[in-house]
């Protein structure tokens, strides 16, 4: 089988309200869709979900066309190495160039599963079609009333695990927000918190101690991703799990936190971390150290990997990041679980009408 064409579209999806975390806020979401046609009549789909520069990401995805046309989509490791080599110095293997490489990898795995005639999670070795999910909100800017209302809406949909943003205000204010969620959602739900690297080590240790008293399920990205010793110091004092990994552009970076005994939940991002190929490597590395696997966002594809990983814990569902309005087919979310498609591949196909309605000209 050979790839015969590479098609890339940039789509804009306005949000209903401003959303954000401890670092930034946005009013629009973009999707850069990569589709690989093959001489077998199969088309693989991958995409980049981004807040910024969709036109540049789309242009860069097209830069790989000469490596892809004529290549075998089953040769994912070979293609991964060739794309890494292409970007090693310019613009650099980490960061910007990783996003289109990962989307292409996802599209290749989509083709592989279609050719095998099975859903992606089955090709990867998974058995469970339904995957536990937690509801994650970009709620840093919400007042207390809105915060509670938005999470209560998802509780009505059957979610029993929720993630809220901390770190954008004083610790006392963050604790008030966690307390408000606990009171509204009840004692049996799991509340997770995400600081988006907002704290110093001293601030993180104080915050984690206070949050432990509120029985949070984990504290995510308490300090800078580059401060491995800081992670070690925070984790050593923590009585709740520490989670991290969404900003890692190579699976090997997780090893530094594992070697420091500084992480309990690995959270690689599908599009930063190397697509399906990269996340499989992270899941395996985490499993070898007894660490849980709960990938960051992109639930429509990431849930396939959670199903297949022995240490798979959760898929992350963010309503505002849900690509469903752009899809003709895809997973469903029911009673706090991702129900994966039964059709071959990852099951996500872009709706032609949505493509036309949301395409960014040029």
Foldseek 3Di string as FASTA:
>chain_A
DAFADKDKFKFKDFAPDWFAFLPDIAGIKMKIKIWTQDPVRDIFIFIFIDRDDSVVLRVLLVVCGVVGGGDQLVPLVVSLVVQQVVPCVVVHSADSSLQSQLRSNQRSLLVVQQVVFWESLVVLAFDDLKFFAEEEGRCPPPDLVVLQVVVVVVVVQQHQEYEYHDQNDDLVVVVVSLVSNCVSNHDRGAYEYEHPQNDDLVRLLVSQVVVVVVVHQEYENPHDLVPLVSLLSSQVSHPHFYEYACNDQELCSVVSNLVSVRGQEYAHESRSQRHPVRLLSNLVVCVVSNHAYEYDDPQQQVSSVLRRRPRRDHYYDYPRSDCVVQWPWTWDAGNSITRFDGGGGSTTHGDPVSSVVGTDDD
